[in-house]
Amino acid sequence: MGELTTSKTTIRDMEVEVFVYSPSDSINADTVLALSHPIINCAIQFIGYTPVSRYVLLVYFHDKEDHSKIPCLNFWGALEHGNSSTYALPAQKELFPYLQKMIAHEFMHILAPLNLHSNKLVSTDYSIPVNQDNHLWLYEGITEWASHIMLLRNAFISLDDYLLELSAMIRRSRTFTPPYSLLKLSNSWHTAEGKKQYGNIYQLGALTATILDLRLLRLSEGTRGLREVYLDLVKKYGSKQPFDNDSFFEEFITLTYPEIQSFIHKHIMSYTPFDFVEEFKAVGIQYLPVQLEDQNTPSLGFTVEHHPQGFVVSKILSPDTSAVKVKVGDIIVQVEVDDSPLDGNTFLFKLMQAKIHSPYSLRVLREGKSLVLEGRILQNARYDVFRQEENATAEQRYLRLKWMTLSP
């Protein structure tokens, strides 16, 4: 790679080493170790023991020159290898919070699939792009859930910050249409169509684990949530003994409650949208699909960023926008509101003067194809809002405390 900086420490009884390549001296291993230390400490607290004796983080920061030499670096990401994890991302300090989230996720992969996996995963021939393992929801969905809830339960983030993350997951999940069930995604991620859905495992998969945790805590009156069931399974199987792919759902039900059978059928084996209002009521959290803001401020229901050809769609905010069929990555080259064309350089300014409910059309480029999309101007709003219920009952407050703390 080139010259690396290195740093190491001991967290609990685990030796942690960091090796960093960076195109400049602005980011070094000491910096990454300082970022990773509280995250790894939260993970160990969540697991209850140090899962390995030595752990190594290999981090590659890159710049624009690297992109021309190594095109795959346009994609950021990370991989977990049991006693180490590798990371590749741009050399930008504003991405440090993103790096911390990646470290949390990759470290939690020590539990699954490394210490909890099916017999189908063991026998996979990686030269043949076929997958018959049913439990991607476990390997990636629960791992993503754990990487966030462990930060809440160790007070590294606040409850409001955690709820904002859940809101973002709901919005990101909504962009995958038509939605696959988690089982279908597990069985078809390697296909051309399945690949387009894969990113939803980190959204819908984590949301499903969140609701499953709430269900288990409610059924056990706060004594045994998903963390406890998960760790019991890790302890039972470990890295050497796989579980049976075909009967694991039944085993999970046996370990928990009969009511979980319908949950698995509706939300893992099939796709059934969650009733977030009802699910979060048990912990005194309100869910509002839409919270209207200033009634005089218009919105398209999505955000954009500058692009050489105009503007590119960066985030989908409103569920209503799905009817417009706009997608993240669409390049907007022309805009009309009330049949009047808007200049591409000033349309955002002129949009702020448009009337609510006015019709609009967009000409966009998507994967090289020109498309015309139509919709109506929306009232500015916040979407998928979670907030703590001020008048929560004693029972709701009790269960919320159990949900937020490390040990039920």
Protein backbone atom coordinates (compact mmCIF):
# COMPACT_ATOMS: atom_id res chain seq x y z
CA MET A 1 0.00 0.00 0.00
CA GLY A 2 2.76 2.39 0.93
CA GLU A 3 3.79 3.85 4.26
CA LEU A 4 1.46 2.88 7.09
CA THR A 5 1.00 4.36 10.52
CA THR A 6 0.23 2.00 13.38
CA SER A 7 -1.17 2.24 16.88
CA LYS A 8 -2.34 -0.22 19.50
CA THR A 9 -3.98 -0.49 22.90
CA THR A 10 -5.76 -2.96 25.14
CA ILE A 11 -9.53 -2.81 25.56
CA ARG A 12 -10.60 -5.00 28.44
CA ASP A 13 -8.36 -8.04 27.86
CA MET A 14 -8.30 -7.70 24.05
CA GLU A 15 -5.29 -6.35 22.18
CA VAL A 16 -6.40 -3.91 19.48
CA GLU A 17 -4.09 -2.83 16.66
CA VAL A 18 -4.73 -0.30 13.91
CA PHE A 19 -2.87 0.07 10.61
CA VAL A 20 -3.70 3.06 8.39
CA TYR A 21 -2.76 4.13 4.91
CA SER A 22 -3.57 7.73 4.07
CA PRO A 23 -2.46 9.88 1.11
CA SER A 24 -1.63 12.67 3.55
CA ASP A 25 -0.52 12.99 7.14
CA SER A 26 -3.91 14.37 8.16
CA ILE A 27 -5.28 10.97 9.20
CA ASN A 28 -3.16 8.44 11.07
CA ALA A 29 -3.58 5.28 13.13
CA ASP A 30 -3.74 7.18 16.44
CA THR A 31 -6.76 9.08 15.12
CA VAL A 32 -8.52 5.89 13.99
CA LEU A 33 -7.73 4.13 17.27
CA ALA A 34 -9.26 7.03 19.20
CA LEU A 35 -12.39 6.76 17.03
CA SER A 36 -12.64 2.99 17.36
CA HIS A 37 -11.92 2.68 21.11
CA PRO A 38 -15.37 3.71 22.43
CA ILE A 39 -17.14 1.75 19.67
CA ILE A 40 -15.30 -1.49 20.44
CA ASN A 41 -15.82 -0.92 24.17
CA CYS A 42 -19.59 -0.59 23.54
CA ALA A 43 -19.53 -3.82 21.53
CA ILE A 44 -17.74 -5.75 24.27
CA GLN A 45 -20.18 -4.40 26.86
CA PHE A 46 -23.08 -5.49 24.64
CA ILE A 47 -21.67 -8.98 24.09
CA GLY A 48 -20.68 -9.34 27.74
CA TYR A 49 -17.18 -10.70 27.08
CA THR A 50 -14.25 -10.14 24.72
CA PRO A 51 -14.97 -12.46 21.76
CA VAL A 52 -11.34 -12.58 20.55
CA SER A 53 -7.97 -11.99 22.21
CA ARG A 54 -6.57 -9.81 19.42
CA TYR A 55 -8.32 -7.60 16.87
CA VAL A 56 -6.79 -5.65 13.98
CA LEU A 57 -8.28 -2.79 11.94
CA LEU A 58 -6.79 -2.23 8.47
CA VAL A 59 -7.92 1.15 7.09
CA TYR A 60 -7.26 2.48 3.59
CA PHE A 61 -8.07 6.15 3.05
CA HIS A 62 -8.00 7.22 -0.59
CA ASP A 63 -8.10 10.36 -2.71
CA LYS A 64 -9.22 11.26 -6.24
CA GLU A 65 -5.92 10.12 -7.72
CA ASP A 66 -6.51 6.65 -6.26
CA HIS A 67 -9.91 6.53 -8.01
CA SER A 68 -8.31 6.80 -11.43
CA LYS A 69 -5.91 3.95 -10.61
CA ILE A 70 -8.39 1.75 -8.73
CA PRO A 71 -11.97 2.43 -9.99
CA CYS A 72 -13.58 0.16 -7.39
CA LEU A 73 -12.64 2.73 -4.73
CA ASN A 74 -15.61 4.79 -5.91
CA PHE A 75 -17.50 2.36 -3.66
CA TRP A 76 -16.83 2.60 0.07
CA GLY A 77 -17.08 -0.38 2.33
CA ALA A 78 -15.63 -2.81 4.80
CA LEU A 79 -15.17 -6.53 5.41
CA GLU A 80 -14.99 -8.55 8.62
CA HIS A 81 -12.52 -11.42 8.90
CA GLY A 82 -13.05 -12.72 12.44
CA ASN A 83 -9.97 -11.28 14.12
CA SER A 84 -9.65 -8.27 11.82
CA SER A 85 -11.61 -5.96 9.57
CA THR A 86 -10.66 -3.91 6.51
CA TYR A 87 -12.02 -0.50 5.48
CA ALA A 88 -11.80 1.67 2.38
CA LEU A 89 -13.20 5.20 2.29
CA PRO A 90 -12.23 8.72 1.18
CA ALA A 91 -9.65 10.61 3.21
CA GLN A 92 -12.13 13.12 4.59
CA LYS A 93 -12.41 13.86 8.31
CA GLU A 94 -16.14 14.62 7.99
CA LEU A 95 -16.62 10.90 7.27
CA PHE A 96 -15.30 9.85 10.70
CA PRO A 97 -18.83 9.26 12.11
CA TYR A 98 -19.50 7.02 9.10
CA LEU A 99 -16.27 5.10 9.83
CA GLN A 100 -17.40 4.58 13.43
CA LYS A 101 -20.68 3.09 12.19
CA MET A 102 -18.75 0.75 9.90
CA ILE A 103 -16.48 -0.35 12.75
CA ALA A 104 -19.51 -1.06 14.94
CA HIS A 105 -21.12 -3.18 12.23
CA GLU A 106 -17.99 -5.12 11.25
CA PHE A 107 -17.00 -5.91 14.83
CA MET A 108 -20.48 -7.28 15.57
CA HIS A 109 -20.05 -9.73 12.68
CA ILE A 110 -17.89 -11.71 15.09
CA LEU A 111 -21.22 -12.98 16.45
CA ALA A 112 -22.92 -13.73 13.13
CA PRO A 113 -22.11 -15.29 10.80
CA LEU A 114 -18.71 -16.11 12.31
CA ASN A 115 -20.12 -17.71 15.47
CA LEU A 116 -23.69 -18.32 14.34
CA HIS A 117 -24.32 -19.65 10.84
CA SER A 118 -26.22 -22.37 8.99
CA ASN A 119 -24.99 -25.61 7.47
CA LYS A 120 -25.79 -24.14 4.03
CA LEU A 121 -23.31 -21.34 4.57
CA VAL A 122 -20.61 -23.82 5.54
CA SER A 123 -21.11 -25.84 2.35
CA THR A 124 -21.31 -22.87 -0.04
CA ASP A 125 -19.19 -23.15 -3.18
CA TYR A 126 -18.22 -19.52 -3.74
CA SER A 127 -17.35 -20.17 -7.39
CA ILE A 128 -21.05 -20.82 -8.09
CA PRO A 129 -23.28 -17.74 -7.61
CA VAL A 130 -26.17 -19.54 -5.94
CA ASN A 131 -27.35 -19.16 -2.38
CA GLN A 132 -29.72 -21.42 -0.45
CA ASP A 133 -29.15 -19.99 3.01
CA ASN A 134 -32.36 -18.51 4.47
CA HIS A 135 -30.80 -16.36 7.16
CA LEU A 136 -29.33 -13.19 5.71
CA TRP A 137 -31.80 -11.43 8.06
CA LEU A 138 -29.72 -12.85 10.93
CA TYR A 139 -26.23 -12.25 9.51
CA GLU A 140 -26.77 -8.69 8.28
CA GLY A 141 -30.10 -7.46 9.65
CA ILE A 142 -29.46 -8.35 13.29
CA THR A 143 -25.81 -7.27 12.98
CA GLU A 144 -26.92 -3.82 11.76
CA TRP A 145 -29.51 -3.63 14.55
CA ALA A 146 -26.89 -4.58 17.16
CA SER A 147 -24.40 -2.02 15.84
CA HIS A 148 -26.87 0.80 16.65
CA ILE A 149 -28.69 -0.46 19.75
CA MET A 150 -25.38 -1.21 21.50
CA LEU A 151 -24.45 2.49 21.21
CA LEU A 152 -27.77 3.52 22.74
CA ARG A 153 -27.51 1.01 25.58
CA ASN A 154 -24.01 2.21 26.43
CA ALA A 155 -25.14 5.88 26.32
CA PHE A 156 -22.77 6.63 23.42
CA ILE A 157 -25.77 8.11 21.59
CA SER A 158 -29.01 9.54 22.94
CA LEU A 159 -32.46 8.04 22.49
CA ASP A 160 -33.39 10.94 20.18
CA ASP A 161 -30.35 10.21 18.00
CA TYR A 162 -31.28 6.53 17.89
CA LEU A 163 -34.84 7.39 16.85
CA LEU A 164 -33.50 9.63 14.08
CA GLU A 165 -31.54 6.65 12.78
CA LEU A 166 -34.69 4.52 12.75
CA SER A 167 -36.48 7.28 10.81
CA ALA A 168 -33.70 7.30 8.23
CA MET A 169 -33.87 3.51 7.91
CA ILE A 170 -37.60 3.68 7.17
CA ARG A 171 -37.06 6.29 4.45
CA ARG A 172 -34.16 4.39 2.89
CA SER A 173 -36.10 1.13 2.99
CA ARG A 174 -39.00 2.75 1.19
CA THR A 175 -36.82 3.35 -1.88
CA PHE A 176 -36.60 -0.40 -2.60
CA THR A 177 -39.63 -1.17 -4.75
CA PRO A 178 -41.29 -3.53 -4.99
CA PRO A 179 -40.04 -4.66 -1.57
CA TYR A 180 -38.67 -8.19 -1.23
CA SER A 181 -39.27 -10.24 1.88
CA LEU A 182 -36.11 -10.87 3.88
CA LEU A 183 -36.31 -14.55 2.96
CA LYS A 184 -36.59 -13.76 -0.75
CA LEU A 185 -33.68 -11.34 -0.45
CA SER A 186 -31.62 -14.02 1.28
CA ASN A 187 -32.31 -16.50 -1.51
CA SER A 188 -31.91 -14.14 -4.47
CA TRP A 189 -29.30 -11.49 -3.62
CA HIS A 190 -26.95 -13.03 -6.21
CA THR A 191 -29.39 -12.55 -9.12
CA ALA A 192 -29.54 -9.46 -11.34
CA GLU A 193 -32.81 -8.30 -9.77
CA GLY A 194 -31.88 -9.37 -6.26
CA LYS A 195 -28.69 -7.28 -6.33
CA LYS A 196 -30.82 -4.15 -6.70
CA GLN A 197 -32.59 -5.05 -3.45
CA TYR A 198 -29.54 -6.02 -1.43
CA GLY A 199 -29.07 -2.66 0.30
CA ASN A 200 -32.45 -3.11 1.98
CA ILE A 201 -31.03 -5.80 4.25
CA TYR A 202 -29.36 -2.99 6.23
CA GLN A 203 -32.64 -1.04 6.40
CA LEU A 204 -35.57 -3.48 6.50
CA GLY A 205 -33.39 -6.14 8.15
CA ALA A 206 -32.39 -3.82 10.99
CA LEU A 207 -35.94 -2.48 11.39
CA THR A 208 -37.26 -6.04 11.57
CA ALA A 209 -34.73 -6.86 14.30
CA THR A 210 -35.77 -3.68 16.14
CA ILE A 211 -39.44 -4.69 16.15
CA LEU A 212 -38.57 -8.28 17.05
CA ASP A 213 -36.62 -6.96 20.05
CA LEU A 214 -39.62 -4.88 21.13
CA ARG A 215 -41.95 -7.86 20.74
CA LEU A 216 -39.71 -10.12 22.82
CA LEU A 217 -39.31 -7.52 25.56
CA ARG A 218 -43.06 -7.00 25.67
CA LEU A 219 -43.79 -10.73 25.83
CA SER A 220 -41.17 -11.27 28.56
CA GLU A 221 -42.21 -8.15 30.50
CA GLY A 222 -38.76 -6.67 29.97
CA THR A 223 -36.67 -9.65 31.04
CA ARG A 224 -35.47 -11.14 27.73
CA GLY A 225 -35.08 -9.28 24.47
CA LEU A 226 -33.41 -10.10 21.17
CA ARG A 227 -29.93 -9.58 22.62
CA GLU A 228 -30.43 -12.37 25.16
CA VAL A 229 -31.88 -14.81 22.62
CA TYR A 230 -29.12 -13.95 20.14
CA LEU A 231 -26.31 -14.48 22.67
CA ASP A 232 -27.84 -17.78 23.81
CA LEU A 233 -27.74 -19.01 20.21
CA VAL A 234 -24.14 -17.85 19.77
CA LYS A 235 -23.18 -19.71 22.95
CA LYS A 236 -24.99 -22.86 21.82
CA TYR A 237 -23.42 -23.07 18.35
CA GLY A 238 -20.17 -21.11 18.09
CA SER A 239 -17.82 -21.10 15.11
CA LYS A 240 -17.52 -24.89 14.74
CA GLN A 241 -21.13 -26.05 14.88
CA PRO A 242 -23.62 -24.76 12.28
CA PHE A 243 -27.37 -24.73 12.85
CA ASP A 244 -29.78 -26.43 10.47
CA ASN A 245 -30.86 -24.00 7.78
CA ASP A 246 -34.31 -25.52 7.31
CA SER A 247 -35.36 -25.82 10.96
CA PHE A 248 -33.79 -22.68 12.46
CA PHE A 249 -37.02 -20.67 12.39
CA GLU A 250 -38.73 -23.40 14.42
CA GLU A 251 -35.83 -23.44 16.88
CA PHE A 252 -36.05 -19.67 17.28
CA ILE A 253 -39.77 -19.94 18.05
CA THR A 254 -39.14 -22.71 20.59
CA LEU A 255 -36.54 -20.53 22.32
CA THR A 256 -38.95 -17.60 22.52
CA TYR A 257 -42.77 -17.56 22.31
CA PRO A 258 -45.46 -19.10 20.08
CA GLU A 259 -46.47 -15.57 19.06
CA ILE A 260 -43.13 -15.17 17.29
CA GLN A 261 -44.23 -17.71 14.69
CA SER A 262 -46.66 -15.26 13.10
CA PHE A 263 -43.99 -12.53 13.25
CA ILE A 264 -41.54 -14.70 11.30
CA HIS A 265 -44.15 -15.66 8.72
CA LYS A 266 -45.38 -12.07 8.23
CA HIS A 267 -42.14 -10.10 8.46
CA ILE A 268 -39.29 -12.45 7.47
CA MET A 269 -40.71 -15.19 5.27
CA SER A 270 -43.19 -12.72 3.73
CA TYR A 271 -43.22 -8.95 3.43
CA THR A 272 -45.84 -7.23 5.59
CA PRO A 273 -45.36 -3.52 6.36
CA PHE A 274 -44.96 -2.71 10.04
CA ASP A 275 -47.49 -0.72 12.01
CA PHE A 276 -44.91 1.51 13.70
CA VAL A 277 -47.57 3.34 15.69
CA GLU A 278 -48.64 0.13 17.37
CA GLU A 279 -45.18 -1.43 17.74
CA PHE A 280 -43.61 1.54 19.53
CA LYS A 281 -46.63 2.27 21.72
CA ALA A 282 -45.40 -0.33 24.23
CA VAL A 283 -42.33 1.78 25.05
CA GLY A 284 -44.12 5.13 25.00
CA ILE A 285 -42.73 6.28 21.67
CA GLN A 286 -45.00 8.10 19.21
CA TYR A 287 -44.64 7.53 15.48
CA LEU A 288 -45.89 10.16 13.04
CA PRO A 289 -45.75 9.27 9.33
CA VAL A 290 -45.90 13.00 8.48
CA GLN A 291 -45.38 16.08 10.62
CA LEU A 292 -46.30 19.16 8.60
CA GLU A 293 -44.05 22.19 8.91
CA ASP A 294 -44.59 25.74 7.60
CA GLN A 295 -47.69 25.58 5.39
CA ASN A 296 -46.28 28.24 3.08
CA THR A 297 -43.06 26.37 2.31
CA PRO A 298 -43.20 24.02 -0.71
CA SER A 299 -41.23 20.81 -1.16
CA LEU A 300 -40.64 18.18 -3.83
CA GLY A 301 -40.44 15.46 -1.18
CA PHE A 302 -36.80 14.75 -1.95
CA THR A 303 -33.45 16.53 -1.73
CA VAL A 304 -30.93 17.21 -4.50
CA GLU A 305 -27.26 17.97 -4.87
CA HIS A 306 -25.39 19.78 -7.63
CA HIS A 307 -24.29 17.68 -10.60
CA PRO A 308 -22.38 18.65 -13.77
CA GLN A 309 -25.55 17.99 -15.81
CA GLY A 310 -27.92 19.76 -13.41
CA PHE A 311 -28.96 18.29 -10.07
CA VAL A 312 -28.93 14.73 -8.77
CA VAL A 313 -31.54 13.29 -6.37
CA SER A 314 -29.76 12.55 -3.07
CA LYS A 315 -32.49 11.58 -0.56
CA ILE A 316 -36.13 10.53 -0.78
CA LEU A 317 -38.05 12.10 2.11
CA SER A 318 -41.77 11.69 1.43
CA PRO A 319 -43.73 8.45 0.95
CA ASP A 320 -45.80 10.42 -1.58
CA THR A 321 -42.72 10.71 -3.74
CA SER A 322 -42.92 6.98 -4.51
CA ALA A 323 -45.90 7.80 -6.73
CA VAL A 324 -43.62 10.07 -8.77
CA LYS A 325 -41.20 7.13 -9.13
CA VAL A 326 -38.17 9.35 -8.67
CA LYS A 327 -35.08 7.47 -7.45
CA VAL A 328 -31.86 8.39 -5.68
CA GLY A 329 -29.26 9.01 -8.38
CA ASP A 330 -31.69 10.43 -10.95
CA ILE A 331 -30.08 13.41 -12.72
CA ILE A 332 -32.60 16.22 -13.14
CA VAL A 333 -32.05 18.00 -16.44
CA GLN A 334 -35.36 19.87 -16.80
CA VAL A 335 -38.16 21.00 -14.48
CA GLU A 336 -41.64 22.33 -15.24
CA VAL A 337 -44.12 23.66 -12.64
CA ASP A 338 -47.65 24.54 -13.80
CA ASP A 339 -46.43 23.88 -17.36
CA SER A 340 -43.77 26.59 -17.03
CA PRO A 341 -40.17 25.47 -17.59
CA LEU A 342 -37.69 26.41 -14.86
CA ASP A 343 -34.05 27.07 -15.57
CA GLY A 344 -31.87 24.25 -14.24
CA ASN A 345 -29.58 26.62 -12.35
CA THR A 346 -32.33 28.50 -10.52
CA PHE A 347 -35.18 26.01 -10.22
CA LEU A 348 -34.66 25.46 -6.48
CA PHE A 349 -35.03 29.20 -5.85
CA LYS A 350 -38.13 29.40 -8.07
CA LEU A 351 -39.55 26.25 -6.52
CA MET A 352 -39.74 28.07 -3.18
CA GLN A 353 -42.28 30.40 -4.80
CA ALA A 354 -44.47 27.61 -6.18
CA LYS A 355 -47.92 26.92 -4.76
CA ILE A 356 -48.65 23.80 -2.73
CA HIS A 357 -50.31 21.06 -4.85
CA SER A 358 -49.15 22.62 -8.14
CA PRO A 359 -48.34 19.92 -10.73
CA TYR A 360 -44.73 19.51 -11.83
CA SER A 361 -42.78 17.34 -14.23
CA LEU A 362 -39.14 16.34 -14.22
CA ARG A 363 -37.01 15.18 -17.10
CA VAL A 364 -34.35 12.94 -15.58
CA LEU A 365 -31.50 10.78 -16.76
CA ARG A 366 -31.41 7.33 -15.17
CA GLU A 367 -28.74 4.85 -16.21
CA GLY A 368 -28.36 6.72 -19.49
CA LYS A 369 -32.09 6.78 -20.28
CA SER A 370 -34.25 9.92 -20.43
CA LEU A 371 -37.50 9.74 -18.41
CA VAL A 372 -40.32 12.18 -17.66
CA LEU A 373 -41.75 11.97 -14.13
CA GLU A 374 -44.82 13.82 -12.87
CA GLY A 375 -45.98 14.81 -9.38
CA ARG A 376 -47.38 17.64 -7.24
CA ILE A 377 -45.67 20.17 -4.99
CA LEU A 378 -45.95 19.11 -1.35
CA GLN A 379 -46.15 21.12 1.84
CA ASN A 380 -42.84 21.09 3.61
CA ALA A 381 -42.85 18.40 6.29
CA ARG A 382 -40.82 15.99 8.36
CA TYR A 383 -41.44 12.33 7.68
CA ASP A 384 -41.33 9.18 9.81
CA VAL A 385 -40.97 11.12 13.04
CA PHE A 386 -40.44 9.32 16.34
CA ARG A 387 -40.80 11.20 19.61
CA GLN A 388 -41.02 10.28 23.27
CA GLU A 389 -44.56 10.34 24.65
CA GLU A 390 -44.74 12.99 27.36
CA ASN A 391 -47.66 11.29 29.13
CA ALA A 392 -46.32 7.75 28.97
CA THR A 393 -47.73 5.35 31.55
CA ALA A 394 -45.58 3.80 34.26
CA GLU A 395 -45.68 0.50 32.33
CA GLN A 396 -44.51 2.20 29.12
CA ARG A 397 -41.69 4.02 30.93
CA TYR A 398 -40.59 0.78 32.59
CA LEU A 399 -40.40 -1.10 29.28
CA ARG A 400 -38.68 1.85 27.59
CA LEU A 401 -36.00 1.79 30.30
CA LYS A 402 -35.50 -1.95 29.78
CA TRP A 403 -35.29 -1.38 26.02
CA MET A 404 -32.71 1.39 26.38
CA THR A 405 -30.43 -0.24 28.94
CA LEU A 406 -27.86 -2.94 28.43
CA SER A 407 -29.38 -5.73 30.43
CA PRO A 408 -33.14 -6.32 30.68
